[in-house]
C-alpha atoms as a PDB file:
ATOM      1  CA  MET A   1    -167.687 -96.738-120.910  1.00  0.00           C
ATOM      2  CA  TRP A   2    -169.705 -93.661-120.119  1.00  0.00           C
ATOM      3  CA  LYS A   3    -172.460 -95.893-118.813  1.00  0.00           C
ATOM      4  CA  SER A   4    -170.156 -97.749-116.548  1.00  0.00           C
ATOM      5  CA  LEU A   5    -168.704 -94.499-115.243  1.00  0.00           C
ATOM      6  CA  ARG A   6    -172.251 -93.064-114.482  1.00  0.00           C
ATOM      7  CA  LEU A   7    -173.240 -96.295-112.867  1.00  0.00           C
ATOM      8  CA  GLY A   8    -170.081 -96.049-110.750  1.00  0.00           C
ATOM      9  CA  VAL A   9    -170.619 -92.538-109.647  1.00  0.00           C
ATOM     10  CA  ALA A  10    -174.205 -93.303-108.749  1.00  0.00           C
ATOM     11  CA  ALA A  11    -173.119 -96.230-106.569  1.00  0.00           C
ATOM     12  CA  LEU A  12    -170.566 -94.186-104.814  1.00  0.00           C
ATOM     13  CA  CYS A  13    -173.180 -91.637-103.898  1.00  0.00           C
ATOM     14  CA  PHE A  14    -175.683 -94.471-102.883  1.00  0.00           C
ATOM     15  CA  LEU A  15    -173.019 -95.931-100.518  1.00  0.00           C
ATOM     16  CA  SER A  16    -172.471 -92.693 -98.825  1.00  0.00           C
ATOM     17  CA  VAL A  17    -176.097 -91.973 -98.001  1.00  0.00           C
ATOM     18  CA  PRO A  18    -176.444 -94.446 -95.083  1.00  0.00           C
ATOM     19  CA  VAL A  19    -173.202 -93.098 -93.543  1.00  0.00           C
ATOM     20  CA  LEU A  20    -174.289 -89.395 -93.867  1.00  0.00           C
ATOM     21  CA  ALA A  21    -177.711 -90.041 -92.602  1.00  0.00           C
ATOM     22  CA  SER A  22    -176.561 -91.784 -89.361  1.00  0.00           C
ATOM     23  CA  ALA A  23    -173.572 -89.491 -88.560  1.00  0.00           C
ATOM     24  CA  ALA A  24    -173.624 -87.337 -85.338  1.00  0.00           C
ATOM     25  CA  ASP A  25    -171.351 -84.551 -86.676  1.00  0.00           C
ATOM     26  CA  ARG A  26    -171.816 -82.156 -89.567  1.00  0.00           C
ATOM     27  CA  ALA A  27    -172.015 -82.996 -93.292  1.00  0.00           C
ATOM     28  CA  TYR A  28    -170.257 -80.760 -95.760  1.00  0.00           C
ATOM     29  CA  VAL A  29    -169.705 -80.089 -99.462  1.00  0.00           C
ATOM     30  CA  ASP A  30    -166.529 -79.085-100.851  1.00  0.00           C
ATOM     31  CA  LEU A  31    -165.771 -77.395-104.344  1.00  0.00           C
ATOM     32  CA  PHE A  32    -162.389 -77.839-105.263  1.00  0.00           C
ATOM     33  CA  GLY A  33    -159.755 -76.964-108.151  1.00  0.00           C
ATOM     34  CA  GLY A  34    -156.170 -77.244-108.681  1.00  0.00           C
ATOM     35  CA  ASN A  35    -153.863 -79.010-111.017  1.00  0.00           C
ATOM     36  CA  THR A  36    -153.188 -82.715-111.878  1.00  0.00           C
ATOM     37  CA  PHE A  37    -149.569 -84.098-112.681  1.00  0.00           C
ATOM     38  CA  LEU A  38    -149.432 -87.482-114.569  1.00  0.00           C
ATOM     39  CA  ASP A  39    -146.364 -89.715-114.346  1.00  0.00           C
ATOM     40  CA  SER A  40    -143.844 -88.199-116.894  1.00  0.00           C
ATOM     41  CA  GLY A  41    -142.311 -91.583-117.449  1.00  0.00           C
ATOM     42  CA  SER A  42    -145.571 -92.978-118.663  1.00  0.00           C
ATOM     43  CA  GLY A  43    -145.153 -92.379-122.400  1.00  0.00           C
ATOM     44  CA  LEU A  44    -147.767 -89.502-122.538  1.00  0.00           C
ATOM     45  CA  GLY A  45    -145.200 -87.031-123.906  1.00  0.00           C
ATOM     46  CA  GLY A  46    -145.768 -83.456-122.847  1.00  0.00           C
ATOM     47  CA  ASN A  47    -149.599 -83.932-122.161  1.00  0.00           C
ATOM     48  CA  ASP A  48    -148.968 -84.976-118.381  1.00  0.00           C
ATOM     49  CA  HIS A  49    -150.346 -82.134-116.408  1.00  0.00           C
ATOM     50  CA  ALA A  50    -153.574 -80.019-116.611  1.00  0.00           C
ATOM     51  CA  PRO A  51    -156.244 -78.215-114.371  1.00  0.00           C
ATOM     52  CA  VAL A  52    -158.674 -80.270-112.371  1.00  0.00           C
ATOM     53  CA  VAL A  53    -162.009 -79.341-110.832  1.00  0.00           C
ATOM     54  CA  GLY A  54    -164.389 -81.339-108.689  1.00  0.00           C
ATOM     55  CA  LEU A  55    -166.849 -81.731-105.886  1.00  0.00           C
ATOM     56  CA  ARG A  56    -166.725 -83.703-102.548  1.00  0.00           C
ATOM     57  CA  VAL A  57    -169.773 -84.441-100.247  1.00  0.00           C
ATOM     58  CA  GLY A  58    -168.922 -85.974 -96.904  1.00  0.00           C
ATOM     59  CA  GLN A  59    -169.416 -86.282 -93.125  1.00  0.00           C
ATOM     60  CA  ARG A  60    -167.025 -86.353 -90.157  1.00  0.00           C
ATOM     61  CA  VAL A  61    -168.478 -89.371 -88.304  1.00  0.00           C
ATOM     62  CA  ASP A  62    -166.199 -89.393 -85.448  1.00  0.00           C
ATOM     63  CA  ALA A  63    -163.475 -87.143 -83.810  1.00  0.00           C
ATOM     64  CA  HIS A  64    -160.826 -88.758 -85.936  1.00  0.00           C
ATOM     65  CA  LEU A  65    -162.687 -90.379 -88.834  1.00  0.00           C
ATOM     66  CA  GLY A  66    -164.553 -89.025 -91.840  1.00  0.00           C
ATOM     67  CA  ILE A  67    -165.975 -90.387 -95.241  1.00  0.00           C
ATOM     68  CA  GLU A  68    -166.579 -88.687 -98.453  1.00  0.00           C
ATOM     69  CA  ALA A  69    -167.595 -89.110-102.138  1.00  0.00           C
ATOM     70  CA  GLN A  70    -165.458 -87.278-104.611  1.00  0.00           C
ATOM     71  CA  ILE A  71    -166.087 -86.684-108.298  1.00  0.00           C
ATOM     72  CA  ALA A  72    -163.573 -84.711-110.505  1.00  0.00           C
ATOM     73  CA  SER A  73    -162.880 -83.898-114.127  1.00  0.00           C
ATOM     74  CA  ALA A  74    -159.279 -83.122-115.328  1.00  0.00           C
ATOM     75  CA  PHE A  75    -158.407 -81.346-118.513  1.00  0.00           C
ATOM     76  CA  ALA A  76    -155.265 -83.522-119.256  1.00  0.00           C
ATOM     77  CA  GLN A  77    -155.130 -84.150-122.949  1.00  0.00           C
ATOM     78  CA  LEU A  78    -153.091 -87.369-122.511  1.00  0.00           C
ATOM     79  CA  GLN A  79    -152.712 -88.832-126.023  1.00  0.00           C
ATOM     80  CA  LYS A  80    -155.766 -87.231-127.699  1.00  0.00           C
ATOM     81  CA  PRO A  81    -157.317 -88.797-130.838  1.00  0.00           C
ATOM     82  CA  ALA A  82    -158.141 -86.291-133.384  1.00  0.00           C
ATOM     83  CA  GLY A  83    -161.507 -84.758-132.932  1.00  0.00           C
ATOM     84  CA  GLN A  84    -162.333 -86.463-129.590  1.00  0.00           C
ATOM     85  CA  SER A  85    -162.558 -85.245-126.065  1.00  0.00           C
ATOM     86  CA  ALA A  86    -159.736 -86.511-123.888  1.00  0.00           C
ATOM     87  CA  LYS A  87    -160.745 -85.226-120.454  1.00  0.00           C
ATOM     88  CA  GLN A  88    -160.192 -87.384-117.502  1.00  0.00           C
ATOM     89  CA  TYR A  89    -163.268 -88.177-115.264  1.00  0.00           C
ATOM     90  CA  SER A  90    -162.994 -89.788-111.796  1.00  0.00           C
ATOM     91  CA  GLY A  91    -165.075 -90.796-108.836  1.00  0.00           C
ATOM     92  CA  ALA A  92    -164.082 -92.304-105.526  1.00  0.00           C
ATOM     93  CA  VAL A  93    -165.067 -93.030-101.936  1.00  0.00           C
ATOM     94  CA  ILE A  94    -162.415 -91.695 -99.567  1.00  0.00           C
ATOM     95  CA  GLY A  95    -162.062 -92.207 -95.845  1.00  0.00           C
ATOM     96  CA  ASN A  96    -160.183 -89.362 -93.873  1.00  0.00           C
ATOM     97  CA  LEU A  97    -158.256 -89.903 -90.734  1.00  0.00           C
ATOM     98  CA  TYR A  98    -157.955 -86.716 -88.750  1.00  0.00           C
ATOM     99  CA  ALA A  99    -155.019 -85.796 -86.493  1.00  0.00           C
ATOM    100  CA  LEU A 100    -156.808 -83.403 -84.132  1.00  0.00           C
ATOM    101  CA  ASN A 101    -160.271 -83.364 -82.486  1.00  0.00           C
ATOM    102  CA  GLY A 102    -160.917 -79.664 -83.572  1.00  0.00           C
ATOM    103  CA  PRO A 103    -162.269 -78.500 -87.007  1.00  0.00           C
ATOM    104  CA  ASN A 104    -158.691 -77.286 -87.711  1.00  0.00           C
ATOM    105  CA  THR A 105    -156.639 -80.256 -88.566  1.00  0.00           C
ATOM    106  CA  PRO A 106    -154.230 -82.206 -90.878  1.00  0.00           C
ATOM    107  CA  TYR A 107    -155.593 -85.500 -92.163  1.00  0.00           C
ATOM    108  CA  LEU A 108    -154.579 -88.625 -93.923  1.00  0.00           C
ATOM    109  CA  SER A 109    -156.860 -89.723 -96.987  1.00  0.00           C
ATOM    110  CA  LEU A 110    -157.294 -93.362 -98.236  1.00  0.00           C
ATOM    111  CA  GLY A 111    -159.866 -94.339-100.964  1.00  0.00           C
ATOM    112  CA  ILE A 112    -160.696 -96.348-103.904  1.00  0.00           C
ATOM    113  CA  GLY A 113    -162.557 -95.447-107.259  1.00  0.00           C
ATOM    114  CA  ALA A 114    -162.538 -95.543-110.909  1.00  0.00           C
ATOM    115  CA  SER A 115    -161.038 -93.087-113.674  1.00  0.00           C
ATOM    116  CA  SER A 116    -162.055 -92.699-117.144  1.00  0.00           C
ATOM    117  CA  ASN A 117    -159.211 -91.746-119.617  1.00  0.00           C
ATOM    118  CA  VAL A 118    -158.302 -91.651-123.339  1.00  0.00           C
ATOM    119  CA  PHE A 119    -154.783 -93.084-123.839  1.00  0.00           C
ATOM    120  CA  GLY A 120    -154.692 -93.061-127.648  1.00  0.00           C
ATOM    121  CA  THR A 121    -156.388 -93.874-130.900  1.00  0.00           C
ATOM    122  CA  GLN A 122    -155.828 -97.702-130.355  1.00  0.00           C
ATOM    123  CA  ALA A 123    -157.052 -98.019-126.888  1.00  0.00           C
ATOM    124  CA  GLY A 124    -159.740 -95.268-126.917  1.00  0.00           C
ATOM    125  CA  ARG A 125    -161.437 -94.332-123.657  1.00  0.00           C
ATOM    126  CA  VAL A 126    -160.810 -96.825-120.998  1.00  0.00           C
ATOM    127  CA  THR A 127    -162.147 -97.065-117.365  1.00  0.00           C
ATOM    128  CA  ASN A 128    -159.254 -97.874-114.735  1.00  0.00           C
ATOM    129  CA  PRO A 129    -159.618 -98.889-111.041  1.00  0.00           C
ATOM    130  CA  VAL A 130    -158.012 -96.406-108.793  1.00  0.00           C
ATOM    131  CA  ALA A 131    -156.395 -96.370-105.249  1.00  0.00           C
ATOM    132  CA  ILE A 132    -155.992 -92.963-103.554  1.00  0.00           C
ATOM    133  CA  PHE A 133    -153.420 -92.020-100.954  1.00  0.00           C
ATOM    134  CA  GLY A 134    -153.211 -88.424 -99.777  1.00  0.00           C
ATOM    135  CA  VAL A 135    -152.692 -85.795 -97.050  1.00  0.00           C
ATOM    136  CA  GLY A 136    -154.699 -82.719 -96.449  1.00  0.00           C
ATOM    137  CA  TYR A 137    -155.483 -79.782 -94.123  1.00  0.00           C
ATOM    138  CA  GLN A 138    -158.839 -78.327 -93.332  1.00  0.00           C
ATOM    139  CA  HIS A 139    -159.438 -74.881 -91.563  1.00  0.00           C
ATOM    140  CA  LEU A 140    -162.769 -73.707 -90.463  1.00  0.00           C
ATOM    141  CA  LEU A 141    -163.916 -70.015 -91.073  1.00  0.00           C
ATOM    142  CA  GLY A 142    -166.878 -69.323 -88.854  1.00  0.00           C
ATOM    143  CA  ASP A 143    -169.651 -71.546 -88.235  1.00  0.00           C
ATOM    144  CA  HIS A 144    -170.388 -72.876 -91.767  1.00  0.00           C
ATOM    145  CA  PHE A 145    -167.437 -72.254 -94.109  1.00  0.00           C
ATOM    146  CA  GLY A 146    -164.045 -73.668 -94.353  1.00  0.00           C
ATOM    147  CA  LEU A 147    -160.902 -73.988 -96.559  1.00  0.00           C
ATOM    148  CA  ARG A 148    -159.054 -77.404 -97.286  1.00  0.00           C
ATOM    149  CA  LEU A 149    -155.801 -78.269 -99.077  1.00  0.00           C
ATOM    150  CA  ASP A 150    -155.352 -81.725-100.451  1.00  0.00           C
ATOM    151  CA  VAL A 151    -152.518 -83.549-102.135  1.00  0.00           C
ATOM    152  CA  GLN A 152    -153.576 -87.036-103.454  1.00  0.00           C
ATOM    153  CA  ASP A 153    -151.712 -89.702-105.342  1.00  0.00           C
ATOM    154  CA  GLN A 154    -154.201 -91.468-107.500  1.00  0.00           C
ATOM    155  CA  MET A 155    -152.701 -94.710-108.591  1.00  0.00           C
ATOM    156  CA  LEU A 156    -154.532 -95.955-111.762  1.00  0.00           C
ATOM    157  CA  PHE A 157    -154.084 -99.688-112.381  1.00  0.00           C
ATOM    158  CA  ASP A 158    -154.274-101.619-115.742  1.00  0.00           C
ATOM    159  CA  ASN A 159    -153.219 -98.771-118.169  1.00  0.00           C
ATOM    160  CA  PRO A 160    -152.506 -99.192-121.703  1.00  0.00           C
ATOM    161  CA  VAL A 161    -149.394 -97.002-121.493  1.00  0.00           C
ATOM    162  CA  PRO A 162    -146.052 -98.020-122.737  1.00  0.00           C
ATOM    163  CA  HIS A 163    -144.130-100.307-120.381  1.00  0.00           C
ATOM    164  CA  ASN A 164    -146.085 -99.438-117.349  1.00  0.00           C
ATOM    165  CA  GLY A 165    -149.334-100.941-116.028  1.00  0.00           C
ATOM    166  CA  LEU A 166    -149.467 -98.497-113.055  1.00  0.00           C
ATOM    167  CA  LEU A 167    -149.902 -94.756-113.727  1.00  0.00           C
ATOM    168  CA  ASN A 168    -149.499 -92.290-110.677  1.00  0.00           C
ATOM    169  CA  ASP A 169    -151.644 -89.257-111.075  1.00  0.00           C
ATOM    170  CA  LEU A 170    -150.716 -86.615-108.476  1.00  0.00           C
ATOM    171  CA  GLN A 171    -153.571 -83.915-107.724  1.00  0.00           C
ATOM    172  CA  VAL A 172    -152.873 -80.868-105.883  1.00  0.00           C
ATOM    173  CA  THR A 173    -156.007 -78.937-104.989  1.00  0.00           C
ATOM    174  CA  GLY A 174    -157.626 -76.251-102.809  1.00  0.00           C
ATOM    175  CA  GLY A 175    -161.225 -76.125-101.887  1.00  0.00           C
ATOM    176  CA  ILE A 176    -164.005 -74.117-100.301  1.00  0.00           C
ATOM    177  CA  SER A 177    -166.399 -76.151 -97.847  1.00  0.00           C
ATOM    178  CA  TYR A 178    -169.859 -75.423 -96.619  1.00  0.00           C
ATOM    179  CA  PHE A 179    -170.934 -77.396 -93.412  1.00  0.00           C
ATOM    180  CA  TRP A 180    -174.419 -78.023 -92.131  1.00  0.00           C
ATOM    181  CA  GLY A 181    -176.417 -80.074 -89.659  1.00  0.00           C
ATOM    182  CA  GLY A 182    -174.865 -81.710 -86.668  1.00  0.00           C
ATOM    183  CA  SER A 183    -175.732 -80.575 -83.055  1.00  0.00           C
ATOM    184  CA  SER A 184    -178.086 -77.678 -82.379  1.00  0.00           C
ATOM    185  CA  ARG A 185    -175.351 -75.265 -81.859  1.00  0.00           C
ATOM    186  CA  HIS A 186    -174.122 -75.731 -85.418  1.00  0.00           C
ATOM    187  CA  ARG A 187    -177.159 -76.082 -87.372  1.00  0.00           C
ATOM    188  CA  ALA A 188    -177.371 -74.082 -90.616  1.00  0.00           C
ATOM    189  CA  PHE A 189    -181.166 -73.844 -90.836  1.00  0.00           C
ATOM    190  CA  PRO A 190    -183.404 -73.662 -87.590  1.00  0.00           C
ATOM    191  CA  ILE A 191    -185.715 -76.398 -86.743  1.00  0.00           C
ATOM    192  CA  ILE A 192    -189.300 -75.255 -86.055  1.00  0.00           C
ATOM    193  CA  GLY A 193    -191.081 -77.613 -83.629  1.00  0.00           C
ATOM    194  CA  PRO A 194    -195.053 -77.818 -83.415  1.00  0.00           C
ATOM    195  CA  ALA A 195    -196.736 -75.110 -81.763  1.00  0.00           C
ATOM    196  CA  LYS A 196    -197.677 -75.397 -78.059  1.00  0.00           C
ATOM    197  CA  PRO A 197    -201.398 -75.251 -77.165  1.00  0.00           C
END
């Protein structure tokens, strides 16, 4: 399962490279943290919420459209087998639809990915397909730094939880973003041309 998850994350990063390279606006990296709340009716007992941390790398490719790759690790114990780690690991490609042209704007997030979880001693660690629906808000602080708030419903399919093949995982996170590239007015690093004779 670990091999398939690593391959999935590598594929997500590979798919995002052509988009990032050809985009006209600035790329960014976002370090985020918060809490994850799993569906309390899923048979997971009291182990249905925990801290989550992660990283996003993305690009706003148009005034109202952006794309990003997201990886995260949640410390939800779920139904932890004795002596085993039960952290949740996930990766996804997400499209953001921005409401406003400016850098300070709410947005809608839609994405697909995969999540690796431990649901019990019988099932062990399994990898589930994930669909993501969320909302967020980003606010630029100066030329290169920004803050963002995200609320995502990560819908995990084909779960071996009692009487429920779909598990809703609500993640509420806040992040710090760093922007670079784009137009010459927004470049984080100067471009030095050849010396004139």
